[in-house]
């Protein structure tokens, strides 16, 4: 229960370009809105808000930049790193404001936090996609030139690999996992 004696409920859920907390019920939505724009008004620390921003920034890089229906370029290491940051964010929120508000873990975030990540399997899948992108084209999507398409996939993937490496090195995850 918060300082004004009211019990508010928030849903912890990731969505592209959004903070991780959402009003769960009508009472909470009436006071804070459906999507919580300003996390400081809930009493979260600057560190946790900065972590929320990192998680959102990472989440926005998950989709394939060429076509969202194609597999993500994320490596197994990136999946593991993202999972660790989402878990850390949820735990920080629980620790900082869990005594003031009820934080309900949305099923999609719960699955993300609890899912076993097989990094080798993910990495092998990505290698296959990069080597054979034609077999991953969804029905109804047509390309004019297979050679140009494969080149475009490879170029975008190489750009992503460099970006991912910078992310993991910057956050010291690469050194831990390699």
N, C-alpha and C. Protein backbone atom coordinates (compact mmCIF):
# COMPACT_ATOMS: atom_id res chain seq x y z
N UNK A 1 0.85 -1.18 0.00
CA UNK A 1 0.00 0.00 0.00
C UNK A 1 0.89 1.24 0.00
N UNK A 2 0.55 2.23 -0.81
CA UNK A 2 1.40 3.41 -0.90
C UNK A 2 1.09 4.42 0.21
N UNK A 3 1.78 5.55 0.17
CA UNK A 3 1.68 6.53 1.26
C UNK A 3 0.29 7.15 1.43
N UNK A 4 -0.52 7.18 0.38
CA UNK A 4 -1.87 7.73 0.54
C UNK A 4 -2.91 6.66 0.89
N UNK A 5 -2.42 5.47 1.26
CA UNK A 5 -3.30 4.41 1.70
C UNK A 5 -4.01 3.65 0.61
N UNK A 6 -3.71 3.93 -0.64
CA UNK A 6 -4.34 3.25 -1.77
C UNK A 6 -3.45 2.13 -2.27
N UNK A 7 -4.07 1.10 -2.76
CA UNK A 7 -3.31 0.00 -3.37
C UNK A 7 -3.46 0.09 -4.88
N UNK A 8 -2.32 0.29 -5.54
CA UNK A 8 -2.31 0.36 -6.99
C UNK A 8 -1.57 -0.84 -7.55
N UNK A 9 -2.02 -1.26 -8.72
CA UNK A 9 -1.44 -2.46 -9.35
C UNK A 9 -0.86 -2.08 -10.70
N UNK A 10 0.37 -2.56 -10.93
CA UNK A 10 1.04 -2.31 -12.19
C UNK A 10 1.43 -3.62 -12.84
N UNK A 11 1.36 -3.62 -14.15
CA UNK A 11 1.76 -4.78 -14.94
C UNK A 11 3.18 -4.50 -15.45
N UNK A 12 4.09 -5.47 -15.24
CA UNK A 12 5.45 -5.39 -15.79
C UNK A 12 5.40 -6.09 -17.14
N UNK A 13 5.55 -5.31 -18.22
CA UNK A 13 5.44 -5.86 -19.56
C UNK A 13 6.28 -5.02 -20.51
N UNK A 14 7.00 -5.69 -21.39
CA UNK A 14 7.81 -4.98 -22.37
C UNK A 14 7.02 -4.76 -23.65
N UNK A 15 7.18 -3.57 -24.21
CA UNK A 15 6.61 -3.25 -25.52
C UNK A 15 7.58 -2.27 -26.17
N UNK A 16 7.66 -2.31 -27.47
CA UNK A 16 8.63 -1.49 -28.20
C UNK A 16 8.41 -0.01 -27.95
N UNK A 17 9.49 0.65 -27.50
CA UNK A 17 9.46 2.09 -27.30
C UNK A 17 8.70 2.54 -26.07
N UNK A 18 8.48 1.65 -25.11
CA UNK A 18 7.69 1.99 -23.92
C UNK A 18 8.42 1.62 -22.64
N UNK A 19 8.06 2.32 -21.57
CA UNK A 19 8.52 1.90 -20.25
C UNK A 19 7.88 0.56 -19.92
N UNK A 20 8.41 -0.10 -18.91
CA UNK A 20 8.00 -1.48 -18.61
C UNK A 20 6.77 -1.59 -17.72
N UNK A 21 6.26 -0.50 -17.16
CA UNK A 21 5.12 -0.58 -16.25
C UNK A 21 3.86 0.01 -16.87
N UNK A 22 2.76 -0.69 -16.64
CA UNK A 22 1.45 -0.34 -17.20
C UNK A 22 0.42 -0.41 -16.07
N UNK A 23 -0.56 0.47 -16.11
CA UNK A 23 -1.65 0.39 -15.14
C UNK A 23 -2.40 -0.92 -15.33
N UNK A 24 -2.58 -1.65 -14.25
CA UNK A 24 -3.20 -2.97 -14.35
C UNK A 24 -4.72 -2.92 -14.26
N UNK A 25 -5.21 -2.07 -13.39
CA UNK A 25 -6.65 -2.01 -13.18
C UNK A 25 -7.16 -0.58 -13.39
N UNK A 26 -8.45 -0.42 -13.35
CA UNK A 26 -9.06 0.89 -13.63
C UNK A 26 -8.60 1.96 -12.64
N UNK A 27 -8.53 1.60 -11.37
CA UNK A 27 -8.13 2.57 -10.34
C UNK A 27 -6.71 3.07 -10.62
N UNK A 28 -5.81 2.17 -10.94
CA UNK A 28 -4.42 2.54 -11.22
C UNK A 28 -4.34 3.36 -12.51
N UNK A 29 -5.10 2.95 -13.51
CA UNK A 29 -5.10 3.68 -14.78
C UNK A 29 -5.66 5.09 -14.62
N UNK A 30 -6.67 5.24 -13.77
CA UNK A 30 -7.25 6.56 -13.53
C UNK A 30 -6.23 7.50 -12.88
N UNK A 31 -5.39 6.96 -12.02
CA UNK A 31 -4.40 7.80 -11.32
C UNK A 31 -3.13 7.99 -12.15
N UNK A 32 -2.63 6.94 -12.77
CA UNK A 32 -1.32 6.99 -13.43
C UNK A 32 -1.37 6.87 -14.96
N UNK A 33 -2.53 6.48 -15.50
CA UNK A 33 -2.63 6.25 -16.94
C UNK A 33 -2.42 4.78 -17.25
N UNK A 34 -2.72 4.42 -18.49
CA UNK A 34 -2.56 3.03 -18.91
C UNK A 34 -1.09 2.67 -19.02
N UNK A 35 -0.36 3.48 -19.76
CA UNK A 35 1.08 3.27 -19.87
C UNK A 35 1.75 4.32 -18.99
N UNK A 36 2.65 3.89 -18.12
CA UNK A 36 3.29 4.80 -17.19
C UNK A 36 4.45 5.51 -17.89
N UNK A 37 4.25 6.76 -18.21
CA UNK A 37 5.26 7.54 -18.94
C UNK A 37 6.40 7.98 -18.03
N UNK A 38 6.08 8.40 -16.80
CA UNK A 38 7.07 8.97 -15.89
C UNK A 38 7.28 8.02 -14.70
N UNK A 39 8.33 7.24 -14.78
CA UNK A 39 8.59 6.25 -13.73
C UNK A 39 9.05 6.89 -12.42
N UNK A 40 9.52 8.14 -12.48
CA UNK A 40 9.96 8.80 -11.25
C UNK A 40 8.79 9.03 -10.30
N UNK A 41 7.58 9.23 -10.84
CA UNK A 41 6.44 9.48 -9.96
C UNK A 41 6.07 8.26 -9.12
N UNK A 42 6.59 7.10 -9.48
CA UNK A 42 6.34 5.90 -8.68
C UNK A 42 7.41 5.71 -7.60
N UNK A 43 8.48 6.51 -7.67
CA UNK A 43 9.53 6.40 -6.67
C UNK A 43 10.70 5.52 -7.07
N UNK A 44 10.81 5.21 -8.35
CA UNK A 44 11.94 4.39 -8.81
C UNK A 44 13.22 5.23 -8.86
N UNK A 45 14.33 4.58 -8.59
CA UNK A 45 15.63 5.27 -8.58
C UNK A 45 16.07 5.61 -10.00
N UNK A 46 17.00 6.54 -10.11
CA UNK A 46 17.56 6.91 -11.40
C UNK A 46 18.24 5.71 -12.06
N UNK A 47 18.89 4.87 -11.25
CA UNK A 47 19.57 3.69 -11.77
C UNK A 47 18.58 2.71 -12.40
N UNK A 48 17.45 2.52 -11.74
CA UNK A 48 16.43 1.60 -12.27
C UNK A 48 15.78 2.19 -13.53
N UNK A 49 15.56 3.48 -13.54
CA UNK A 49 15.00 4.11 -14.73
C UNK A 49 15.99 4.01 -15.89
N UNK A 50 17.26 4.18 -15.59
CA UNK A 50 18.29 4.04 -16.63
C UNK A 50 18.32 2.60 -17.15
N UNK A 51 18.15 1.63 -16.27
CA UNK A 51 18.09 0.23 -16.67
C UNK A 51 16.84 -0.02 -17.53
N UNK A 52 15.71 0.58 -17.17
CA UNK A 52 14.49 0.48 -17.98
C UNK A 52 14.76 1.00 -19.39
N UNK A 53 15.45 2.12 -19.48
CA UNK A 53 15.75 2.71 -20.79
C UNK A 53 16.65 1.78 -21.61
N UNK A 54 17.63 1.15 -20.96
CA UNK A 54 18.51 0.20 -21.65
C UNK A 54 17.70 -1.00 -22.15
N UNK A 55 16.85 -1.55 -21.30
CA UNK A 55 16.03 -2.70 -21.70
C UNK A 55 15.15 -2.33 -22.88
N UNK A 56 14.54 -1.15 -22.85
CA UNK A 56 13.69 -0.73 -23.97
C UNK A 56 14.53 -0.54 -25.23
N UNK A 57 15.69 0.09 -25.10
CA UNK A 57 16.56 0.29 -26.26
C UNK A 57 16.96 -1.05 -26.88
N UNK A 58 17.32 -2.01 -26.04
CA UNK A 58 17.68 -3.34 -26.53
C UNK A 58 16.48 -4.02 -27.18
N UNK A 59 15.35 -3.95 -26.51
CA UNK A 59 14.14 -4.59 -27.02
C UNK A 59 13.80 -4.09 -28.42
N UNK A 60 14.05 -2.82 -28.67
CA UNK A 60 13.75 -2.23 -29.98
C UNK A 60 14.69 -2.72 -31.07
N UNK A 61 15.76 -3.40 -30.71
CA UNK A 61 16.69 -3.93 -31.72
C UNK A 61 16.42 -5.39 -32.06
N UNK A 62 15.44 -6.00 -31.41
CA UNK A 62 15.20 -7.43 -31.59
C UNK A 62 14.71 -7.79 -32.99
N UNK A 63 13.78 -7.01 -33.52
CA UNK A 63 13.19 -7.36 -34.81
C UNK A 63 14.20 -7.22 -35.94
N UNK A 64 14.08 -8.07 -36.91
CA UNK A 64 14.95 -8.04 -38.08
C UNK A 64 14.74 -6.71 -38.82
N UNK A 65 15.82 -5.97 -39.12
CA UNK A 65 15.66 -4.65 -39.73
C UNK A 65 15.22 -4.69 -41.20
N UNK A 66 15.35 -5.82 -41.85
CA UNK A 66 14.94 -5.92 -43.25
C UNK A 66 13.45 -6.20 -43.35
N UNK A 67 13.00 -7.16 -42.55
CA UNK A 67 11.59 -7.52 -42.53
C UNK A 67 11.30 -8.19 -41.19
N UNK A 68 10.32 -7.68 -40.47
CA UNK A 68 10.03 -8.17 -39.12
C UNK A 68 9.69 -9.65 -39.09
N UNK A 69 9.23 -10.21 -40.20
CA UNK A 69 8.88 -11.62 -40.25
C UNK A 69 10.09 -12.55 -40.37
N UNK A 70 11.25 -11.97 -40.66
CA UNK A 70 12.48 -12.78 -40.71
C UNK A 70 13.01 -12.97 -39.29
N UNK A 71 13.84 -13.99 -39.08
CA UNK A 71 14.42 -14.19 -37.75
C UNK A 71 15.25 -12.99 -37.29
N UNK A 72 15.27 -12.80 -36.00
CA UNK A 72 16.10 -11.76 -35.40
C UNK A 72 17.57 -12.10 -35.63
N UNK A 73 18.40 -11.08 -35.66
CA UNK A 73 19.84 -11.28 -35.79
C UNK A 73 20.50 -11.52 -34.42
N UNK A 74 19.76 -11.43 -33.34
CA UNK A 74 20.35 -11.57 -32.01
C UNK A 74 21.04 -12.91 -31.84
N UNK A 75 22.24 -12.87 -31.30
CA UNK A 75 22.98 -14.09 -30.98
C UNK A 75 22.42 -14.69 -29.69
N UNK A 76 22.86 -15.90 -29.39
CA UNK A 76 22.50 -16.51 -28.12
C UNK A 76 22.98 -15.68 -26.94
N UNK A 77 24.17 -15.10 -27.09
CA UNK A 77 24.73 -14.25 -26.04
C UNK A 77 23.86 -13.02 -25.81
N UNK A 78 23.35 -12.45 -26.90
CA UNK A 78 22.49 -11.28 -26.77
C UNK A 78 21.17 -11.65 -26.10
N UNK A 79 20.62 -12.79 -26.45
CA UNK A 79 19.40 -13.26 -25.78
C UNK A 79 19.65 -13.41 -24.27
N UNK A 80 20.76 -14.01 -23.92
CA UNK A 80 21.09 -14.23 -22.50
C UNK A 80 21.30 -12.90 -21.78
N UNK A 81 22.01 -11.99 -22.43
CA UNK A 81 22.25 -10.67 -21.84
C UNK A 81 20.93 -9.93 -21.63
N UNK A 82 20.08 -9.94 -22.64
CA UNK A 82 18.78 -9.27 -22.53
C UNK A 82 17.97 -9.87 -21.39
N UNK A 83 17.94 -11.18 -21.31
CA UNK A 83 17.22 -11.85 -20.24
C UNK A 83 17.75 -11.39 -18.87
N UNK A 84 19.06 -11.28 -18.74
CA UNK A 84 19.64 -10.87 -17.46
C UNK A 84 19.24 -9.44 -17.10
N UNK A 85 19.16 -8.56 -18.10
CA UNK A 85 18.78 -7.16 -17.85
C UNK A 85 17.30 -7.03 -17.51
N UNK A 86 16.45 -7.80 -18.18
CA UNK A 86 15.01 -7.78 -17.87
C UNK A 86 14.79 -8.30 -16.45
N UNK A 87 15.47 -9.38 -16.11
CA UNK A 87 15.36 -9.95 -14.76
C UNK A 87 15.83 -8.94 -13.71
N UNK A 88 16.96 -8.32 -13.97
CA UNK A 88 17.49 -7.31 -13.05
C UNK A 88 16.51 -6.15 -12.88
N UNK A 89 15.93 -5.70 -13.99
CA UNK A 89 14.97 -4.60 -13.94
C UNK A 89 13.76 -4.97 -13.09
N UNK A 90 13.20 -6.15 -13.33
CA UNK A 90 12.04 -6.58 -12.57
C UNK A 90 12.36 -6.67 -11.06
N UNK A 91 13.49 -7.26 -10.75
CA UNK A 91 13.89 -7.38 -9.33
C UNK A 91 14.11 -6.02 -8.69
N UNK A 92 14.73 -5.09 -9.43
CA UNK A 92 14.93 -3.74 -8.89
C UNK A 92 13.61 -3.06 -8.60
N UNK A 93 12.66 -3.18 -9.51
CA UNK A 93 11.35 -2.56 -9.30
C UNK A 93 10.67 -3.16 -8.08
N UNK A 94 10.70 -4.47 -7.99
CA UNK A 94 10.11 -5.16 -6.83
C UNK A 94 10.76 -4.67 -5.53
N UNK A 95 12.08 -4.56 -5.53
CA UNK A 95 12.82 -4.14 -4.33
C UNK A 95 12.52 -2.69 -3.97
N UNK A 96 12.44 -1.83 -4.99
CA UNK A 96 12.30 -0.40 -4.73
C UNK A 96 10.87 0.03 -4.41
N UNK A 97 9.87 -0.56 -5.08
CA UNK A 97 8.49 -0.09 -4.88
C UNK A 97 7.49 -1.23 -4.65
N UNK A 98 7.98 -2.45 -4.53
CA UNK A 98 7.09 -3.59 -4.32
C UNK A 98 6.30 -3.52 -3.02
N UNK A 99 6.81 -2.76 -2.06
CA UNK A 99 6.07 -2.60 -0.80
C UNK A 99 5.01 -1.49 -0.92
N UNK A 100 5.08 -0.69 -1.98
CA UNK A 100 4.11 0.38 -2.19
C UNK A 100 3.02 0.01 -3.19
N UNK A 101 3.39 -0.80 -4.16
CA UNK A 101 2.49 -1.17 -5.25
C UNK A 101 2.57 -2.67 -5.51
N UNK A 102 1.50 -3.20 -6.05
CA UNK A 102 1.54 -4.59 -6.50
C UNK A 102 2.07 -4.60 -7.93
N UNK A 103 3.15 -5.35 -8.14
CA UNK A 103 3.75 -5.46 -9.47
C UNK A 103 3.42 -6.85 -10.01
N UNK A 104 2.65 -6.88 -11.08
CA UNK A 104 2.19 -8.14 -11.66
C UNK A 104 3.02 -8.42 -12.91
N UNK A 105 3.66 -9.55 -12.91
CA UNK A 105 4.52 -9.93 -14.02
C UNK A 105 3.66 -10.48 -15.15
N UNK A 106 3.61 -9.75 -16.27
CA UNK A 106 2.85 -10.18 -17.44
C UNK A 106 3.42 -11.50 -17.95
N UNK A 107 2.57 -12.34 -18.49
CA UNK A 107 2.97 -13.68 -18.94
C UNK A 107 4.14 -13.63 -19.93
N UNK A 108 4.13 -12.68 -20.86
CA UNK A 108 5.22 -12.60 -21.85
C UNK A 108 6.55 -12.28 -21.17
N UNK A 109 6.53 -11.42 -20.17
CA UNK A 109 7.77 -11.08 -19.44
C UNK A 109 8.19 -12.24 -18.54
N UNK A 110 7.23 -12.91 -17.96
CA UNK A 110 7.54 -14.08 -17.13
C UNK A 110 8.22 -15.14 -17.98
N UNK A 111 7.68 -15.40 -19.17
CA UNK A 111 8.29 -16.37 -20.08
C UNK A 111 9.71 -15.96 -20.44
N UNK A 112 9.90 -14.67 -20.71
CA UNK A 112 11.22 -14.16 -21.07
C UNK A 112 12.21 -14.36 -19.93
N UNK A 113 11.80 -14.05 -18.71
CA UNK A 113 12.68 -14.17 -17.54
C UNK A 113 13.01 -15.63 -17.24
N UNK A 114 12.03 -16.52 -17.36
CA UNK A 114 12.21 -17.91 -16.94
C UNK A 114 12.70 -18.84 -18.04
N UNK A 115 12.64 -18.40 -19.29
CA UNK A 115 12.97 -19.28 -20.41
C UNK A 115 14.44 -19.71 -20.37
N UNK A 116 14.66 -20.99 -20.64
CA UNK A 116 16.01 -21.53 -20.77
C UNK A 116 16.53 -21.13 -22.14
N UNK A 117 17.69 -20.51 -22.16
CA UNK A 117 18.26 -20.04 -23.42
C UNK A 117 19.41 -20.95 -23.82
N UNK A 118 19.26 -21.56 -24.97
CA UNK A 118 20.31 -22.41 -25.52
C UNK A 118 21.08 -21.57 -26.54
N UNK A 119 22.18 -21.00 -26.08
CA UNK A 119 22.92 -20.07 -26.93
C UNK A 119 23.45 -20.74 -28.19
N UNK A 120 23.94 -21.96 -28.08
CA UNK A 120 24.48 -22.66 -29.26
C UNK A 120 23.38 -22.90 -30.29
N UNK A 121 22.21 -23.29 -29.83
CA UNK A 121 21.09 -23.54 -30.75
C UNK A 121 20.70 -22.25 -31.49
N UNK A 122 20.62 -21.16 -30.75
CA UNK A 122 20.28 -19.87 -31.36
C UNK A 122 21.34 -19.47 -32.37
N UNK A 123 22.60 -19.60 -31.99
CA UNK A 123 23.69 -19.21 -32.89
C UNK A 123 23.72 -20.07 -34.14
N UNK A 124 23.46 -21.35 -34.00
CA UNK A 124 23.40 -22.24 -35.18
C UNK A 124 22.23 -21.86 -36.09
N UNK A 125 21.10 -21.51 -35.49
CA UNK A 125 19.94 -21.10 -36.27
C UNK A 125 20.24 -19.83 -37.07
N UNK A 126 20.88 -18.86 -36.43
CA UNK A 126 21.22 -17.61 -37.11
C UNK A 126 22.20 -17.88 -38.25
N UNK A 127 23.19 -18.71 -38.00
CA UNK A 127 24.15 -19.05 -39.06
C UNK A 127 23.42 -19.66 -40.27
N UNK A 128 22.46 -20.53 -40.00
CA UNK A 128 21.70 -21.14 -41.09
C UNK A 128 20.88 -20.09 -41.83
N UNK A 129 20.26 -19.18 -41.08
CA UNK A 129 19.48 -18.12 -41.71
C UNK A 129 20.35 -17.25 -42.62
N UNK A 130 21.52 -16.88 -42.12
CA UNK A 130 22.41 -16.01 -42.91
C UNK A 130 22.91 -16.77 -44.15
N UNK A 131 23.21 -18.03 -44.01
CA UNK A 131 23.71 -18.84 -45.13
C UNK A 131 22.61 -19.17 -46.14
N UNK A 132 21.37 -19.33 -45.65
CA UNK A 132 20.26 -19.76 -46.51
C UNK A 132 19.01 -18.92 -46.28
N UNK A 133 19.07 -17.60 -46.46
CA UNK A 133 17.90 -16.77 -46.12
C UNK A 133 16.68 -17.06 -46.99
N UNK A 134 16.88 -17.61 -48.17
CA UNK A 134 15.76 -17.87 -49.07
C UNK A 134 14.75 -18.83 -48.43
N UNK A 135 15.25 -19.82 -47.69
CA UNK A 135 14.32 -20.79 -47.11
C UNK A 135 13.50 -20.22 -45.95
N UNK A 136 13.82 -19.00 -45.51
CA UNK A 136 13.10 -18.37 -44.41
C UNK A 136 12.11 -17.31 -44.89
N UNK A 137 11.95 -17.17 -46.18
CA UNK A 137 11.00 -16.19 -46.70
C UNK A 137 9.58 -16.71 -46.47
N UNK A 138 8.77 -15.93 -45.74
CA UNK A 138 7.39 -16.36 -45.49
C UNK A 138 6.57 -16.42 -46.78
N UNK A 139 5.56 -17.27 -46.78
CA UNK A 139 4.65 -17.34 -47.93
C UNK A 139 4.04 -15.97 -48.17
N UNK A 140 3.90 -15.64 -49.44
CA UNK A 140 3.31 -14.36 -49.80
C UNK A 140 4.33 -13.24 -49.96
N UNK A 141 5.59 -13.49 -49.58
CA UNK A 141 6.66 -12.50 -49.75
C UNK A 141 7.52 -12.96 -50.92
N UNK A 142 7.68 -12.08 -51.88
CA UNK A 142 8.45 -12.43 -53.07
C UNK A 142 9.63 -11.48 -53.22
N UNK A 143 10.75 -12.04 -53.68
CA UNK A 143 11.93 -11.22 -53.94
C UNK A 143 12.28 -11.33 -55.41
N UNK A 144 12.87 -10.28 -55.93
CA UNK A 144 13.22 -10.26 -57.35
C UNK A 144 14.52 -10.97 -57.65
N UNK A 145 15.51 -10.81 -56.78
CA UNK A 145 16.84 -11.32 -57.06
C UNK A 145 17.42 -11.97 -55.80
N UNK A 146 17.61 -13.28 -55.82
CA UNK A 146 18.10 -14.01 -54.66
C UNK A 146 19.51 -13.58 -54.25
N UNK A 147 20.36 -13.27 -55.20
CA UNK A 147 21.73 -12.87 -54.89
C UNK A 147 21.74 -11.53 -54.16
N UNK A 148 20.98 -10.59 -54.66
CA UNK A 148 20.90 -9.27 -54.00
C UNK A 148 20.27 -9.42 -52.62
N UNK A 149 19.23 -10.25 -52.51
CA UNK A 149 18.58 -10.48 -51.23
C UNK A 149 19.56 -11.05 -50.21
N UNK A 150 20.31 -12.06 -50.59
CA UNK A 150 21.28 -12.68 -49.67
C UNK A 150 22.35 -11.66 -49.28
N UNK A 151 22.79 -10.86 -50.23
CA UNK A 151 23.80 -9.84 -49.94
C UNK A 151 23.25 -8.82 -48.93
N UNK A 152 22.00 -8.40 -49.12
CA UNK A 152 21.39 -7.45 -48.21
C UNK A 152 21.29 -8.03 -46.79
N UNK A 153 20.87 -9.28 -46.70
CA UNK A 153 20.78 -9.95 -45.39
C UNK A 153 22.16 -9.99 -44.73
N UNK A 154 23.17 -10.39 -45.49
CA UNK A 154 24.53 -10.50 -44.95
C UNK A 154 25.05 -9.14 -44.50
N UNK A 155 24.84 -8.10 -45.29
CA UNK A 155 25.30 -6.76 -44.92
C UNK A 155 24.64 -6.27 -43.64
N UNK A 156 23.33 -6.43 -43.56
CA UNK A 156 22.61 -5.99 -42.35
C UNK A 156 23.02 -6.81 -41.12
N UNK A 157 23.23 -8.10 -41.34
CA UNK A 157 23.67 -8.95 -40.24
C UNK A 157 25.05 -8.52 -39.74
N UNK A 158 25.95 -8.22 -40.65
CA UNK A 158 27.29 -7.79 -40.25
C UNK A 158 27.25 -6.46 -39.50
N UNK A 159 26.37 -5.55 -39.91
CA UNK A 159 26.18 -4.30 -39.16
C UNK A 159 25.69 -4.61 -37.75
N UNK A 160 24.71 -5.54 -37.67
CA UNK A 160 24.17 -5.90 -36.36
C UNK A 160 25.24 -6.54 -35.48
N UNK A 161 26.05 -7.43 -36.04
CA UNK A 161 27.09 -8.10 -35.25
C UNK A 161 28.02 -7.08 -34.61
N UNK A 162 28.40 -6.06 -35.35
CA UNK A 162 29.27 -5.01 -34.80
C UNK A 162 28.56 -4.24 -33.68
N UNK A 163 27.31 -3.91 -33.91
CA UNK A 163 26.54 -3.20 -32.89
C UNK A 163 26.37 -4.07 -31.64
N UNK A 164 26.04 -5.33 -31.84
CA UNK A 164 25.86 -6.24 -30.70
C UNK A 164 27.16 -6.37 -29.91
N UNK A 165 28.25 -6.49 -30.61
CA UNK A 165 29.55 -6.61 -29.93
C UNK A 165 29.81 -5.37 -29.07
N UNK A 166 29.53 -4.18 -29.62
CA UNK A 166 29.72 -2.94 -28.84
C UNK A 166 28.82 -2.95 -27.60
N UNK A 167 27.58 -3.39 -27.75
CA UNK A 167 26.65 -3.44 -26.62
C UNK A 167 27.18 -4.38 -25.54
N UNK A 168 27.58 -5.57 -25.95
CA UNK A 168 28.03 -6.56 -24.98
C UNK A 168 29.36 -6.19 -24.33
N UNK A 169 30.28 -5.61 -25.11
CA UNK A 169 31.56 -5.18 -24.55
C UNK A 169 31.35 -4.01 -23.61
N UNK A 170 30.55 -3.03 -24.04
CA UNK A 170 30.27 -1.85 -23.22
C UNK A 170 29.71 -2.25 -21.86
N UNK A 171 28.90 -3.25 -21.86
CA UNK A 171 28.26 -3.68 -20.62
C UNK A 171 28.97 -4.87 -19.97
N UNK A 172 30.19 -5.15 -20.43
CA UNK A 172 31.07 -6.18 -19.88
C UNK A 172 30.49 -7.59 -19.97
N UNK A 173 29.45 -7.79 -20.74
CA UNK A 173 28.87 -9.12 -20.85
C UNK A 173 29.69 -10.01 -21.77
N UNK A 174 30.23 -9.44 -22.82
CA UNK A 174 31.00 -10.22 -23.79
C UNK A 174 32.16 -10.91 -23.10
N UNK A 175 32.85 -10.17 -22.24
CA UNK A 175 34.02 -10.72 -21.56
C UNK A 175 33.64 -11.86 -20.62
N UNK A 176 32.48 -11.79 -20.04
CA UNK A 176 32.02 -12.83 -19.12
C UNK A 176 31.63 -14.10 -19.88
N UNK A 177 30.96 -13.93 -21.01
CA UNK A 177 30.42 -15.10 -21.71
C UNK A 177 31.40 -15.71 -22.70
N UNK A 178 32.52 -15.07 -22.97
CA UNK A 178 33.47 -15.61 -23.93
C UNK A 178 34.77 -15.94 -23.27
